[in-house]
Amino acid sequence: MNRWMAAGVLLLMAGGAALATEGPTVAMGQALFESPALGSNGKSCASCHPAGKGLDELGAFDDPMLKEMINFCIRDALEGKMFALESQELDSMLLYLRILSQK
């Protein structure tokens, strides 16, 4: 399953096509964070960071740096394809990670 098909499946699971037109959302970010479909090795972001473990220092990074870090983790840790820097998916993950890092 390619990344766009996986994102479509996640959108449907997270509440349907309405999310696709709303722009970035925390719900989409959480669905992507928990999905092994982002990579090719069966892992998700939550595999390494359950309930945000290890993400408490993210507040020290600005949005562009955090987007790069997300993409590097997708590429390296999950063996997946990085998101475009201005994509709805990457912006959604950024929103979700900002919430996780505040817990």
N, C-alpha and C. Protein backbone atom coordinates (compact mmCIF):
# COMPACT_ATOMS: atom_id res chain seq x y z
N MET A 1 0.85 -1.16 0.00
CA MET A 1 0.00 0.00 0.00
C MET A 1 0.90 1.23 0.00
N ASN A 2 0.67 2.15 -0.94
CA ASN A 2 1.51 3.34 -0.97
C ASN A 2 1.06 4.35 0.09
N ARG A 3 1.86 5.38 0.26
CA ARG A 3 1.62 6.37 1.32
C ARG A 3 0.29 7.07 1.15
N TRP A 4 -0.10 7.40 -0.09
CA TRP A 4 -1.35 8.13 -0.30
C TRP A 4 -2.55 7.24 -0.05
N MET A 5 -2.46 5.97 -0.44
CA MET A 5 -3.55 5.05 -0.13
C MET A 5 -3.69 4.89 1.37
N ALA A 6 -2.55 4.76 2.06
CA ALA A 6 -2.57 4.62 3.51
C ALA A 6 -3.18 5.84 4.16
N ALA A 7 -2.82 7.03 3.67
CA ALA A 7 -3.38 8.25 4.24
C ALA A 7 -4.88 8.30 4.00
N GLY A 8 -5.33 7.85 2.82
CA GLY A 8 -6.77 7.81 2.53
C GLY A 8 -7.51 6.87 3.45
N VAL A 9 -6.93 5.70 3.70
CA VAL A 9 -7.53 4.74 4.62
C VAL A 9 -7.61 5.35 6.01
N LEU A 10 -6.55 6.03 6.43
CA LEU A 10 -6.54 6.66 7.74
C LEU A 10 -7.60 7.75 7.83
N LEU A 11 -7.76 8.51 6.78
CA LEU A 11 -8.79 9.56 6.79
C LEU A 11 -10.17 8.96 6.94
N LEU A 12 -10.42 7.88 6.24
CA LEU A 12 -11.72 7.24 6.35
C LEU A 12 -11.94 6.68 7.75
N MET A 13 -10.89 6.10 8.32
CA MET A 13 -11.01 5.56 9.67
C MET A 13 -11.20 6.67 10.70
N ALA A 14 -10.64 7.85 10.43
CA ALA A 14 -10.68 8.94 11.39
C ALA A 14 -11.92 9.82 11.23
N GLY A 15 -12.83 9.45 10.38
CA GLY A 15 -14.05 10.23 10.32
C GLY A 15 -14.47 10.64 8.93
N GLY A 16 -13.84 10.11 7.92
CA GLY A 16 -14.32 10.34 6.58
C GLY A 16 -13.65 11.48 5.85
N ALA A 17 -14.23 11.77 4.71
CA ALA A 17 -13.65 12.75 3.80
C ALA A 17 -13.68 14.15 4.37
N ALA A 18 -14.47 14.41 5.38
CA ALA A 18 -14.52 15.75 5.96
C ALA A 18 -13.14 16.20 6.43
N LEU A 19 -12.35 15.28 6.97
CA LEU A 19 -11.00 15.63 7.43
C LEU A 19 -10.13 16.07 6.26
N ALA A 20 -10.34 15.49 5.11
CA ALA A 20 -9.50 15.80 3.96
C ALA A 20 -9.68 17.24 3.50
N THR A 21 -10.82 17.85 3.76
CA THR A 21 -11.07 19.20 3.30
C THR A 21 -10.89 20.24 4.40
N GLU A 22 -10.73 19.83 5.63
CA GLU A 22 -10.61 20.76 6.74
C GLU A 22 -9.21 21.33 6.91
N GLY A 23 -8.23 20.74 6.31
CA GLY A 23 -6.86 21.13 6.55
C GLY A 23 -6.27 20.26 7.63
N PRO A 24 -5.10 20.61 8.11
CA PRO A 24 -4.43 19.80 9.13
C PRO A 24 -5.28 19.72 10.41
N THR A 25 -5.31 18.52 10.99
CA THR A 25 -6.05 18.32 12.24
C THR A 25 -5.23 17.46 13.19
N VAL A 26 -5.51 17.64 14.47
CA VAL A 26 -4.87 16.81 15.49
C VAL A 26 -5.28 15.36 15.30
N ALA A 27 -6.55 15.11 14.95
CA ALA A 27 -7.03 13.74 14.76
C ALA A 27 -6.26 13.04 13.64
N MET A 28 -6.02 13.75 12.55
CA MET A 28 -5.26 13.15 11.45
C MET A 28 -3.82 12.89 11.90
N GLY A 29 -3.24 13.83 12.63
CA GLY A 29 -1.89 13.65 13.14
C GLY A 29 -1.78 12.44 14.04
N GLN A 30 -2.76 12.24 14.91
CA GLN A 30 -2.75 11.08 15.79
C GLN A 30 -2.89 9.79 14.99
N ALA A 31 -3.78 9.78 14.02
CA ALA A 31 -3.97 8.58 13.19
C ALA A 31 -2.68 8.23 12.46
N LEU A 32 -2.00 9.23 11.91
CA LEU A 32 -0.74 8.98 11.22
C LEU A 32 0.34 8.52 12.19
N PHE A 33 0.42 9.14 13.36
CA PHE A 33 1.40 8.78 14.39
C PHE A 33 1.27 7.33 14.81
N GLU A 34 0.04 6.84 14.85
CA GLU A 34 -0.23 5.47 15.30
C GLU A 34 -0.24 4.44 14.18
N SER A 35 -0.11 4.87 12.94
CA SER A 35 -0.25 3.97 11.80
C SER A 35 1.07 3.36 11.34
N PRO A 36 1.14 2.04 11.23
CA PRO A 36 2.33 1.41 10.64
C PRO A 36 2.39 1.59 9.12
N ALA A 37 1.35 2.16 8.52
CA ALA A 37 1.33 2.36 7.07
C ALA A 37 2.27 3.48 6.61
N LEU A 38 2.80 4.28 7.53
CA LEU A 38 3.74 5.34 7.14
C LEU A 38 5.07 4.77 6.66
N GLY A 39 5.38 3.57 7.07
CA GLY A 39 6.66 2.98 6.70
C GLY A 39 6.48 1.62 6.06
N SER A 40 7.60 0.95 5.90
CA SER A 40 7.56 -0.36 5.27
C SER A 40 8.04 -1.48 6.20
N ASN A 41 8.29 -1.15 7.47
CA ASN A 41 8.82 -2.16 8.38
C ASN A 41 7.84 -2.59 9.47
N GLY A 42 6.58 -2.19 9.35
CA GLY A 42 5.56 -2.62 10.30
C GLY A 42 5.51 -1.82 11.59
N LYS A 43 6.34 -0.78 11.70
CA LYS A 43 6.36 0.04 12.91
C LYS A 43 5.61 1.35 12.66
N SER A 44 5.21 1.98 13.75
CA SER A 44 4.61 3.30 13.70
C SER A 44 5.44 4.23 14.56
N CYS A 45 5.14 5.51 14.52
CA CYS A 45 5.82 6.46 15.42
C CYS A 45 5.56 6.05 16.87
N ALA A 46 4.34 5.58 17.14
CA ALA A 46 3.97 5.16 18.49
C ALA A 46 4.74 3.93 18.95
N SER A 47 5.32 3.18 18.03
CA SER A 47 6.12 2.02 18.43
C SER A 47 7.32 2.45 19.26
N CYS A 48 7.94 3.57 18.88
CA CYS A 48 9.10 4.08 19.61
C CYS A 48 8.71 5.11 20.67
N HIS A 49 7.57 5.75 20.48
CA HIS A 49 7.13 6.83 21.36
C HIS A 49 5.72 6.59 21.89
N PRO A 50 5.49 5.48 22.61
CA PRO A 50 4.14 5.24 23.13
C PRO A 50 3.71 6.37 24.06
N ALA A 51 2.52 6.89 23.82
CA ALA A 51 1.96 7.99 24.62
C ALA A 51 2.91 9.19 24.68
N GLY A 52 3.72 9.38 23.64
CA GLY A 52 4.61 10.52 23.55
C GLY A 52 5.93 10.38 24.29
N LYS A 53 6.24 9.17 24.73
CA LYS A 53 7.50 8.94 25.46
C LYS A 53 8.69 9.45 24.65
N GLY A 54 9.53 10.23 25.30
CA GLY A 54 10.72 10.73 24.66
C GLY A 54 10.53 11.98 23.82
N LEU A 55 9.32 12.54 23.84
CA LEU A 55 9.05 13.71 23.01
C LEU A 55 8.90 14.99 23.83
N ASP A 56 9.25 14.94 25.09
CA ASP A 56 9.04 16.08 25.97
C ASP A 56 9.94 17.27 25.65
N GLU A 57 10.98 17.10 24.87
CA GLU A 57 11.89 18.20 24.53
C GLU A 57 11.53 18.88 23.20
N LEU A 58 10.43 18.48 22.58
CA LEU A 58 10.10 19.02 21.26
C LEU A 58 9.79 20.51 21.29
N GLY A 59 9.42 21.03 22.44
CA GLY A 59 9.13 22.45 22.55
C GLY A 59 10.34 23.33 22.23
N ALA A 60 11.52 22.77 22.28
CA ALA A 60 12.74 23.52 22.00
C ALA A 60 12.97 23.72 20.49
N PHE A 61 12.20 23.04 19.66
CA PHE A 61 12.39 23.10 18.22
C PHE A 61 11.29 23.93 17.56
N ASP A 62 11.69 24.75 16.57
CA ASP A 62 10.69 25.49 15.81
C ASP A 62 10.01 24.54 14.81
N ASP A 63 8.93 25.01 14.21
CA ASP A 63 8.15 24.15 13.32
C ASP A 63 8.95 23.59 12.14
N PRO A 64 9.74 24.40 11.43
CA PRO A 64 10.50 23.83 10.31
C PRO A 64 11.47 22.72 10.75
N MET A 65 12.13 22.90 11.89
CA MET A 65 13.06 21.88 12.38
C MET A 65 12.30 20.62 12.79
N LEU A 66 11.16 20.80 13.44
CA LEU A 66 10.38 19.64 13.86
C LEU A 66 9.84 18.87 12.66
N LYS A 67 9.44 19.58 11.62
CA LYS A 67 8.98 18.91 10.40
C LYS A 67 10.10 18.06 9.81
N GLU A 68 11.32 18.60 9.80
CA GLU A 68 12.46 17.82 9.31
C GLU A 68 12.67 16.58 10.16
N MET A 69 12.57 16.74 11.47
CA MET A 69 12.77 15.60 12.37
C MET A 69 11.71 14.52 12.13
N ILE A 70 10.46 14.94 11.95
CA ILE A 70 9.38 13.98 11.67
C ILE A 70 9.71 13.22 10.39
N ASN A 71 10.07 13.95 9.34
CA ASN A 71 10.38 13.30 8.06
C ASN A 71 11.57 12.37 8.16
N PHE A 72 12.60 12.76 8.91
CA PHE A 72 13.77 11.89 9.06
C PHE A 72 13.39 10.60 9.79
N CYS A 73 12.52 10.70 10.79
CA CYS A 73 12.07 9.49 11.50
C CYS A 73 11.25 8.59 10.58
N ILE A 74 10.39 9.21 9.76
CA ILE A 74 9.61 8.41 8.80
C ILE A 74 10.56 7.70 7.84
N ARG A 75 11.53 8.42 7.33
CA ARG A 75 12.48 7.84 6.37
C ARG A 75 13.38 6.80 7.02
N ASP A 76 13.98 7.13 8.15
CA ASP A 76 15.01 6.28 8.73
C ASP A 76 14.46 5.20 9.66
N ALA A 77 13.64 5.58 10.62
CA ALA A 77 13.14 4.62 11.61
C ALA A 77 12.02 3.75 11.05
N LEU A 78 11.15 4.34 10.23
CA LEU A 78 10.00 3.59 9.71
C LEU A 78 10.24 3.04 8.30
N GLU A 79 11.34 3.48 7.68
CA GLU A 79 11.67 3.08 6.31
C GLU A 79 10.54 3.44 5.35
N GLY A 80 10.05 4.67 5.51
CA GLY A 80 8.96 5.17 4.67
C GLY A 80 9.39 6.33 3.82
N LYS A 81 8.43 6.89 3.11
CA LYS A 81 8.67 8.02 2.23
C LYS A 81 8.29 9.30 2.96
N MET A 82 9.18 10.27 2.94
CA MET A 82 8.95 11.53 3.64
C MET A 82 7.79 12.30 3.01
N PHE A 83 7.11 13.10 3.84
CA PHE A 83 6.03 13.97 3.38
C PHE A 83 6.61 15.25 2.78
N ALA A 84 5.86 15.86 1.87
CA ALA A 84 6.21 17.19 1.39
C ALA A 84 6.15 18.15 2.57
N LEU A 85 7.05 19.12 2.63
CA LEU A 85 7.14 20.01 3.79
C LEU A 85 5.87 20.82 4.04
N GLU A 86 5.08 21.08 3.04
CA GLU A 86 3.83 21.84 3.22
C GLU A 86 2.59 20.96 3.11
N SER A 87 2.75 19.67 3.33
CA SER A 87 1.60 18.76 3.20
C SER A 87 0.69 18.82 4.42
N GLN A 88 -0.55 18.51 4.19
CA GLN A 88 -1.55 18.44 5.25
C GLN A 88 -1.17 17.36 6.26
N GLU A 89 -0.61 16.28 5.79
CA GLU A 89 -0.22 15.18 6.67
C GLU A 89 0.89 15.61 7.63
N LEU A 90 1.92 16.25 7.09
CA LEU A 90 3.03 16.68 7.94
C LEU A 90 2.58 17.76 8.92
N ASP A 91 1.75 18.69 8.45
CA ASP A 91 1.22 19.72 9.35
C ASP A 91 0.36 19.11 10.44
N SER A 92 -0.39 18.07 10.12
CA SER A 92 -1.22 17.38 11.13
C SER A 92 -0.36 16.68 12.16
N MET A 93 0.70 16.02 11.71
CA MET A 93 1.60 15.37 12.66
C MET A 93 2.26 16.41 13.57
N LEU A 94 2.62 17.55 13.01
CA LEU A 94 3.20 18.62 13.81
C LEU A 94 2.23 19.06 14.91
N LEU A 95 0.97 19.26 14.55
CA LEU A 95 -0.04 19.64 15.55
C LEU A 95 -0.14 18.60 16.66
N TYR A 96 -0.20 17.34 16.27
CA TYR A 96 -0.33 16.27 17.26
C TYR A 96 0.90 16.19 18.16
N LEU A 97 2.08 16.31 17.59
CA LEU A 97 3.30 16.24 18.39
C LEU A 97 3.41 17.42 19.35
N ARG A 98 2.94 18.57 18.95
CA ARG A 98 2.95 19.72 19.86
C ARG A 98 2.09 19.44 21.09
N ILE A 99 0.97 18.76 20.89
CA ILE A 99 0.10 18.40 22.02
C ILE A 99 0.77 17.34 22.88
N LEU A 100 1.35 16.33 22.24
CA LEU A 100 2.03 15.26 23.01
C LEU A 100 3.17 15.81 23.85
N SER A 101 3.90 16.76 23.30
CA SER A 101 5.07 17.27 24.03
C SER A 101 4.68 18.13 25.23
N GLN A 102 3.42 18.54 25.31
CA GLN A 102 2.95 19.35 26.43
C GLN A 102 2.43 18.51 27.59
N LYS A 103 2.29 17.22 27.37
CA LYS A 103 1.75 16.34 28.42
C LYS A 103 2.78 16.03 29.47
